[in-house]
Amino acid sequence: MPHISIKMYPGRSEELKKDIAVKTRDCLVEAMGMDAKYFSVSVEEVEKEKWQEEVVDKIDDKDLYVEANF
């Protein structure tokens, strides 16, 4: 607890995904004042064609704090 789930289009290297995961975790460690050992981070690649149904349609409006504008 907590778990951070990152979804993105395919095409980024494993090294970059790991770097993004660590930086995201570290940001929340600082913001929440918790030890890093309590955080897990996953990175899932979602094809552009499936983005709407696999990501957007599954987000409850009450859980969305920052909305993309593309």
PDB file of N, CA and C in Angstrom:
ATOM      1  N   MET A   1       0.858  -1.164   0.000  1.00  0.00           N
ATOM      2  CA  MET A   1       0.000   0.000   0.000  1.00  0.00           C
ATOM      3  C   MET A   1       0.896   1.215   0.000  1.00  0.00           C
ATOM      4  N   PRO A   2       0.745   2.147  -0.856  1.00  0.00           N
ATOM      5  CA  PRO A   2      -0.133   2.185  -2.023  1.00  0.00           C
ATOM      6  C   PRO A   2       0.513   1.574  -3.262  1.00  0.00           C
ATOM      7  N   HIS A   3      -0.358   1.262  -4.212  1.00  0.00           N
ATOM      8  CA  HIS A   3       0.113   0.787  -5.516  1.00  0.00           C
ATOM      9  C   HIS A   3      -0.154   1.876  -6.548  1.00  0.00           C
ATOM     10  N   ILE A   4       0.811   2.130  -7.409  1.00  0.00           N
ATOM     11  CA  ILE A   4       0.707   3.137  -8.458  1.00  0.00           C
ATOM     12  C   ILE A   4       0.694   2.400  -9.793  1.00  0.00           C
ATOM     13  N   SER A   5      -0.329   2.658 -10.587  1.00  0.00           N
ATOM     14  CA  SER A   5      -0.468   2.015 -11.890  1.00  0.00           C
ATOM     15  C   SER A   5      -0.314   3.069 -12.982  1.00  0.00           C
ATOM     16  N   ILE A   6       0.652   2.847 -13.864  1.00  0.00           N
ATOM     17  CA  ILE A   6       0.909   3.770 -14.962  1.00  0.00           C
ATOM     18  C   ILE A   6       0.579   3.052 -16.264  1.00  0.00           C
ATOM     19  N   LYS A   7      -0.241   3.691 -17.088  1.00  0.00           N
ATOM     20  CA  LYS A   7      -0.589   3.127 -18.394  1.00  0.00           C
ATOM     21  C   LYS A   7      -0.113   4.093 -19.458  1.00  0.00           C
ATOM     22  N   MET A   8       0.464   3.544 -20.515  1.00  0.00           N
ATOM     23  CA  MET A   8       0.994   4.384 -21.586  1.00  0.00           C
ATOM     24  C   MET A   8       1.003   3.607 -22.891  1.00  0.00           C
ATOM     25  N   TYR A   9       1.124   4.363 -23.976  1.00  0.00           N
ATOM     26  CA  TYR A   9       1.280   3.723 -25.288  1.00  0.00           C
ATOM     27  C   TYR A   9       2.585   2.946 -25.312  1.00  0.00           C
ATOM     28  N   PRO A  10       2.645   1.882 -26.085  1.00  0.00           N
ATOM     29  CA  PRO A  10       3.884   1.104 -26.232  1.00  0.00           C
ATOM     30  C   PRO A  10       4.988   1.911 -26.918  1.00  0.00           C
ATOM     31  N   GLY A  11       6.210   1.454 -26.733  1.00  0.00           N
ATOM     32  CA  GLY A  11       7.317   2.022 -27.482  1.00  0.00           C
ATOM     33  C   GLY A  11       8.450   2.568 -26.642  1.00  0.00           C
ATOM     34  N   ARG A  12       8.269   2.612 -25.349  1.00  0.00           N
ATOM     35  CA  ARG A  12       9.350   3.115 -24.491  1.00  0.00           C
ATOM     36  C   ARG A  12      10.205   1.954 -24.002  1.00  0.00           C
ATOM     37  N   SER A  13      11.463   2.220 -23.781  1.00  0.00           N
ATOM     38  CA  SER A  13      12.391   1.173 -23.344  1.00  0.00           C
ATOM     39  C   SER A  13      12.086   0.738 -21.910  1.00  0.00           C
ATOM     40  N   GLU A  14      12.537  -0.467 -21.584  1.00  0.00           N
ATOM     41  CA  GLU A  14      12.391  -0.973 -20.210  1.00  0.00           C
ATOM     42  C   GLU A  14      13.126  -0.049 -19.237  1.00  0.00           C
ATOM     43  N   GLU A  15      14.264   0.444 -19.657  1.00  0.00           N
ATOM     44  CA  GLU A  15      15.046   1.357 -18.816  1.00  0.00           C
ATOM     45  C   GLU A  15      14.252   2.626 -18.503  1.00  0.00           C
ATOM     46  N   LEU A  16      13.616   3.200 -19.505  1.00  0.00           N
ATOM     47  CA  LEU A  16      12.831   4.410 -19.286  1.00  0.00           C
ATOM     48  C   LEU A  16      11.616   4.127 -18.401  1.00  0.00           C
ATOM     49  N   LYS A  17      10.936   3.000 -18.627  1.00  0.00           N
ATOM     50  CA  LYS A  17       9.771   2.656 -17.796  1.00  0.00           C
ATOM     51  C   LYS A  17      10.187   2.486 -16.333  1.00  0.00           C
ATOM     52  N   LYS A  18      11.319   1.847 -16.094  1.00  0.00           N
ATOM     53  CA  LYS A  18      11.829   1.678 -14.726  1.00  0.00           C
ATOM     54  C   LYS A  18      12.128   3.045 -14.109  1.00  0.00           C
ATOM     55  N   ASP A  19      12.754   3.925 -14.871  1.00  0.00           N
ATOM     56  CA  ASP A  19      13.088   5.267 -14.396  1.00  0.00           C
ATOM     57  C   ASP A  19      11.810   6.044 -14.042  1.00  0.00           C
ATOM     58  N   ILE A  20      10.804   5.961 -14.890  1.00  0.00           N
ATOM     59  CA  ILE A  20       9.527   6.633 -14.632  1.00  0.00           C
ATOM     60  C   ILE A  20       8.890   6.067 -13.364  1.00  0.00           C
ATOM     61  N   ALA A  21       8.914   4.761 -13.213  1.00  0.00           N
ATOM     62  CA  ALA A  21       8.328   4.127 -12.030  1.00  0.00           C
ATOM     63  C   ALA A  21       9.024   4.578 -10.751  1.00  0.00           C
ATOM     64  N   VAL A  22      10.341   4.587 -10.762  1.00  0.00           N
ATOM     65  CA  VAL A  22      11.102   5.003  -9.573  1.00  0.00           C
ATOM     66  C   VAL A  22      10.848   6.472  -9.251  1.00  0.00           C
ATOM     67  N   LYS A  23      10.871   7.330 -10.255  1.00  0.00           N
ATOM     68  CA  LYS A  23      10.646   8.766 -10.019  1.00  0.00           C
ATOM     69  C   LYS A  23       9.227   9.037  -9.518  1.00  0.00           C
ATOM     70  N   THR A  24       8.261   8.308 -10.052  1.00  0.00           N
ATOM     71  CA  THR A  24       6.881   8.465  -9.593  1.00  0.00           C
ATOM     72  C   THR A  24       6.764   8.032  -8.134  1.00  0.00           C
ATOM     73  N   ARG A  25       7.331   6.874  -7.829  1.00  0.00           N
ATOM     74  CA  ARG A  25       7.332   6.396  -6.446  1.00  0.00           C
ATOM     75  C   ARG A  25       7.991   7.408  -5.529  1.00  0.00           C
ATOM     76  N   ASP A  26       9.154   7.901  -5.913  1.00  0.00           N
ATOM     77  CA  ASP A  26       9.891   8.835  -5.062  1.00  0.00           C
ATOM     78  C   ASP A  26       9.113  10.123  -4.821  1.00  0.00           C
ATOM     79  N   CYS A  27       8.396  10.580  -5.831  1.00  0.00           N
ATOM     80  CA  CYS A  27       7.569  11.782  -5.683  1.00  0.00           C
ATOM     81  C   CYS A  27       6.490  11.552  -4.628  1.00  0.00           C
ATOM     82  N   LEU A  28       5.838  10.396  -4.684  1.00  0.00           N
ATOM     83  CA  LEU A  28       4.792  10.112  -3.702  1.00  0.00           C
ATOM     84  C   LEU A  28       5.353   9.805  -2.324  1.00  0.00           C
ATOM     85  N   VAL A  29       6.519   9.201  -2.266  1.00  0.00           N
ATOM     86  CA  VAL A  29       7.182   8.982  -0.977  1.00  0.00           C
ATOM     87  C   VAL A  29       7.341  10.318  -0.260  1.00  0.00           C
ATOM     88  N   GLU A  30       7.831  11.314  -0.984  1.00  0.00           N
ATOM     89  CA  GLU A  30       8.029  12.641  -0.400  1.00  0.00           C
ATOM     90  C   GLU A  30       6.698  13.297  -0.043  1.00  0.00           C
ATOM     91  N   ALA A  31       5.739  13.259  -0.961  1.00  0.00           N
ATOM     92  CA  ALA A  31       4.453  13.923  -0.733  1.00  0.00           C
ATOM     93  C   ALA A  31       3.664  13.300   0.405  1.00  0.00           C
ATOM     94  N   MET A  32       3.764  11.981   0.550  1.00  0.00           N
ATOM     95  CA  MET A  32       2.980  11.288   1.563  1.00  0.00           C
ATOM     96  C   MET A  32       3.752  11.065   2.859  1.00  0.00           C
ATOM     97  N   GLY A  33       5.058  11.329   2.837  1.00  0.00           N
ATOM     98  CA  GLY A  33       5.862  11.150   4.033  1.00  0.00           C
ATOM     99  C   GLY A  33       5.950   9.701   4.478  1.00  0.00           C
ATOM    100  N   MET A  34       6.031   8.788   3.512  1.00  0.00           N
ATOM    101  CA  MET A  34       6.105   7.361   3.819  1.00  0.00           C
ATOM    102  C   MET A  34       7.430   6.790   3.334  1.00  0.00           C
ATOM    103  N   ASP A  35       7.782   5.625   3.820  1.00  0.00           N
ATOM    104  CA  ASP A  35       8.979   4.921   3.392  1.00  0.00           C
ATOM    105  C   ASP A  35       8.726   4.276   2.025  1.00  0.00           C
ATOM    106  N   ALA A  36       9.717   4.299   1.163  1.00  0.00           N
ATOM    107  CA  ALA A  36       9.598   3.759  -0.193  1.00  0.00           C
ATOM    108  C   ALA A  36       9.235   2.278  -0.200  1.00  0.00           C
ATOM    109  N   LYS A  37       9.553   1.554   0.853  1.00  0.00           N
ATOM    110  CA  LYS A  37       9.298   0.111   0.883  1.00  0.00           C
ATOM    111  C   LYS A  37       7.815  -0.232   0.823  1.00  0.00           C
ATOM    112  N   TYR A  38       6.959   0.735   1.079  1.00  0.00           N
ATOM    113  CA  TYR A  38       5.515   0.477   1.073  1.00  0.00           C
ATOM    114  C   TYR A  38       4.877   0.654  -0.299  1.00  0.00           C
ATOM    115  N   PHE A  39       5.610   1.127  -1.273  1.00  0.00           N
ATOM    116  CA  PHE A  39       5.063   1.433  -2.589  1.00  0.00           C
ATOM    117  C   PHE A  39       5.406   0.355  -3.610  1.00  0.00           C
ATOM    118  N   SER A  40       4.441   0.086  -4.479  1.00  0.00           N
ATOM    119  CA  SER A  40       4.702  -0.727  -5.668  1.00  0.00           C
ATOM    120  C   SER A  40       4.229   0.083  -6.869  1.00  0.00           C
ATOM    121  N   VAL A  41       4.877  -0.143  -8.008  1.00  0.00           N
ATOM    122  CA  VAL A  41       4.546   0.598  -9.227  1.00  0.00           C
ATOM    123  C   VAL A  41       4.533  -0.384 -10.400  1.00  0.00           C
ATOM    124  N   SER A  42       3.467  -0.323 -11.175  1.00  0.00           N
ATOM    125  CA  SER A  42       3.413  -1.120 -12.400  1.00  0.00           C
ATOM    126  C   SER A  42       3.282  -0.190 -13.601  1.00  0.00           C
ATOM    127  N   VAL A  43       3.818  -0.645 -14.734  1.00  0.00           N
ATOM    128  CA  VAL A  43       3.700   0.099 -15.985  1.00  0.00           C
ATOM    129  C   VAL A  43       3.098  -0.854 -17.010  1.00  0.00           C
ATOM    130  N   GLU A  44       1.954  -0.466 -17.537  1.00  0.00           N
ATOM    131  CA  GLU A  44       1.250  -1.298 -18.512  1.00  0.00           C
ATOM    132  C   GLU A  44       1.169  -0.562 -19.838  1.00  0.00           C
ATOM    133  N   GLU A  45       1.549  -1.245 -20.891  1.00  0.00           N
ATOM    134  CA  GLU A  45       1.444  -0.669 -22.228  1.00  0.00           C
ATOM    135  C   GLU A  45       0.074  -1.004 -22.810  1.00  0.00           C
ATOM    136  N   VAL A  46      -0.592   0.009 -23.355  1.00  0.00           N
ATOM    137  CA  VAL A  46      -1.907  -0.155 -23.965  1.00  0.00           C
ATOM    138  C   VAL A  46      -1.835   0.410 -25.381  1.00  0.00           C
ATOM    139  N   GLU A  47      -2.222  -0.384 -26.343  1.00  0.00           N
ATOM    140  CA  GLU A  47      -2.208   0.060 -27.732  1.00  0.00           C
ATOM    141  C   GLU A  47      -3.131   1.259 -27.927  1.00  0.00           C
ATOM    142  N   LYS A  48      -2.728   2.179 -28.783  1.00  0.00           N
ATOM    143  CA  LYS A  48      -3.487   3.397 -29.048  1.00  0.00           C
ATOM    144  C   LYS A  48      -4.937   3.078 -29.428  1.00  0.00           C
ATOM    145  N   GLU A  49      -5.127   2.059 -30.224  1.00  0.00           N
ATOM    146  CA  GLU A  49      -6.456   1.686 -30.690  1.00  0.00           C
ATOM    147  C   GLU A  49      -7.363   1.211 -29.561  1.00  0.00           C
ATOM    148  N   LYS A  50      -6.774   0.744 -28.469  1.00  0.00           N
ATOM    149  CA  LYS A  50      -7.553   0.223 -27.338  1.00  0.00           C
ATOM    150  C   LYS A  50      -7.602   1.197 -26.160  1.00  0.00           C
ATOM    151  N   TRP A  51      -6.981   2.366 -26.296  1.00  0.00           N
ATOM    152  CA  TRP A  51      -6.858   3.319 -25.189  1.00  0.00           C
ATOM    153  C   TRP A  51      -8.217   3.706 -24.603  1.00  0.00           C
ATOM    154  N   GLN A  52      -9.156   4.050 -25.464  1.00  0.00           N
ATOM    155  CA  GLN A  52     -10.472   4.491 -24.988  1.00  0.00           C
ATOM    156  C   GLN A  52     -11.129   3.402 -24.142  1.00  0.00           C
ATOM    157  N   GLU A  53     -11.206   2.194 -24.661  1.00  0.00           N
ATOM    158  CA  GLU A  53     -11.914   1.127 -23.945  1.00  0.00           C
ATOM    159  C   GLU A  53     -11.117   0.553 -22.776  1.00  0.00           C
ATOM    160  N   GLU A  54      -9.797   0.496 -22.894  1.00  0.00           N
ATOM    161  CA  GLU A  54      -8.974  -0.114 -21.847  1.00  0.00           C
ATOM    162  C   GLU A  54      -8.579   0.852 -20.729  1.00  0.00           C
ATOM    163  N   VAL A  55      -8.605   2.150 -21.018  1.00  0.00           N
ATOM    164  CA  VAL A  55      -8.172   3.120 -20.013  1.00  0.00           C
ATOM    165  C   VAL A  55      -9.282   4.128 -19.708  1.00  0.00           C
ATOM    166  N   VAL A  56      -9.617   4.955 -20.670  1.00  0.00           N
ATOM    167  CA  VAL A  56     -10.547   6.066 -20.441  1.00  0.00           C
ATOM    168  C   VAL A  56     -11.895   5.584 -19.916  1.00  0.00           C
ATOM    169  N   ASP A  57     -12.472   4.584 -20.544  1.00  0.00           N
ATOM    170  CA  ASP A  57     -13.805   4.115 -20.157  1.00  0.00           C
ATOM    171  C   ASP A  57     -13.830   3.452 -18.778  1.00  0.00           C
ATOM    172  N   LYS A  58     -12.681   3.069 -18.256  1.00  0.00           N
ATOM    173  CA  LYS A  58     -12.618   2.384 -16.965  1.00  0.00           C
ATOM    174  C   LYS A  58     -12.347   3.334 -15.794  1.00  0.00           C
ATOM    175  N   ILE A  59     -12.138   4.612 -16.078  1.00  0.00           N
ATOM    176  CA  ILE A  59     -11.860   5.578 -15.013  1.00  0.00           C
ATOM    177  C   ILE A  59     -13.163   6.194 -14.538  1.00  0.00           C
ATOM    178  N   ASP A  60     -13.439   6.053 -13.266  1.00  0.00           N
ATOM    179  CA  ASP A  60     -14.615   6.682 -12.662  1.00  0.00           C
ATOM    180  C   ASP A  60     -14.330   8.172 -12.520  1.00  0.00           C
ATOM    181  N   ASP A  61     -15.260   9.001 -12.948  1.00  0.00           N
ATOM    182  CA  ASP A  61     -15.067  10.456 -12.892  1.00  0.00           C
ATOM    183  C   ASP A  61     -14.649  10.941 -11.508  1.00  0.00           C
ATOM    184  N   LYS A  62     -15.160  10.323 -10.454  1.00  0.00           N
ATOM    185  CA  LYS A  62     -14.825  10.762  -9.091  1.00  0.00           C
ATOM    186  C   LYS A  62     -13.365  10.472  -8.732  1.00  0.00           C
ATOM    187  N   ASP A  63     -12.713   9.597  -9.495  1.00  0.00           N
ATOM    188  CA  ASP A  63     -11.320   9.243  -9.225  1.00  0.00           C
ATOM    189  C   ASP A  63     -10.327   9.996 -10.099  1.00  0.00           C
ATOM    190  N   LEU A  64     -10.820  10.797 -11.037  1.00  0.00           N
ATOM    191  CA  LEU A  64      -9.956  11.502 -11.980  1.00  0.00           C
ATOM    192  C   LEU A  64      -9.692  12.925 -11.479  1.00  0.00           C
ATOM    193  N   TYR A  65      -8.452  13.188 -11.080  1.00  0.00           N
ATOM    194  CA  TYR A  65      -8.075  14.490 -10.530  1.00  0.00           C
ATOM    195  C   TYR A  65      -7.408  15.396 -11.558  1.00  0.00           C
ATOM    196  N   VAL A  66      -6.760  14.810 -12.544  1.00  0.00           N
ATOM    197  CA  VAL A  66      -6.123  15.575 -13.615  1.00  0.00           C
ATOM    198  C   VAL A  66      -6.520  14.886 -14.921  1.00  0.00           C
ATOM    199  N   GLU A  67      -7.177  15.635 -15.800  1.00  0.00           N
ATOM    200  CA  GLU A  67      -7.659  15.073 -17.048  1.00  0.00           C
ATOM    201  C   GLU A  67      -6.754  15.466 -18.208  1.00  0.00           C
ATOM    202  N   ALA A  68      -6.473  14.492 -19.074  1.00  0.00           N
ATOM    203  CA  ALA A  68      -5.695  14.782 -20.282  1.00  0.00           C
ATOM    204  C   ALA A  68      -6.536  15.633 -21.228  1.00  0.00           C
ATOM    205  N   ASN A  69      -5.848  16.395 -22.060  1.00  0.00           N
ATOM    206  CA  ASN A  69      -6.542  17.259 -23.011  1.00  0.00           C
ATOM    207  C   ASN A  69      -5.866  17.106 -24.371  1.00  0.00           C
ATOM    208  N   PHE A  70      -6.158  15.987 -25.051  1.00  0.00           N
ATOM    209  CA  PHE A  70      -5.556  15.774 -26.366  1.00  0.00           C
ATOM    210  C   PHE A  70      -6.592  15.408 -27.381  1.00  0.00           C
TER     211      PHE A  70
END
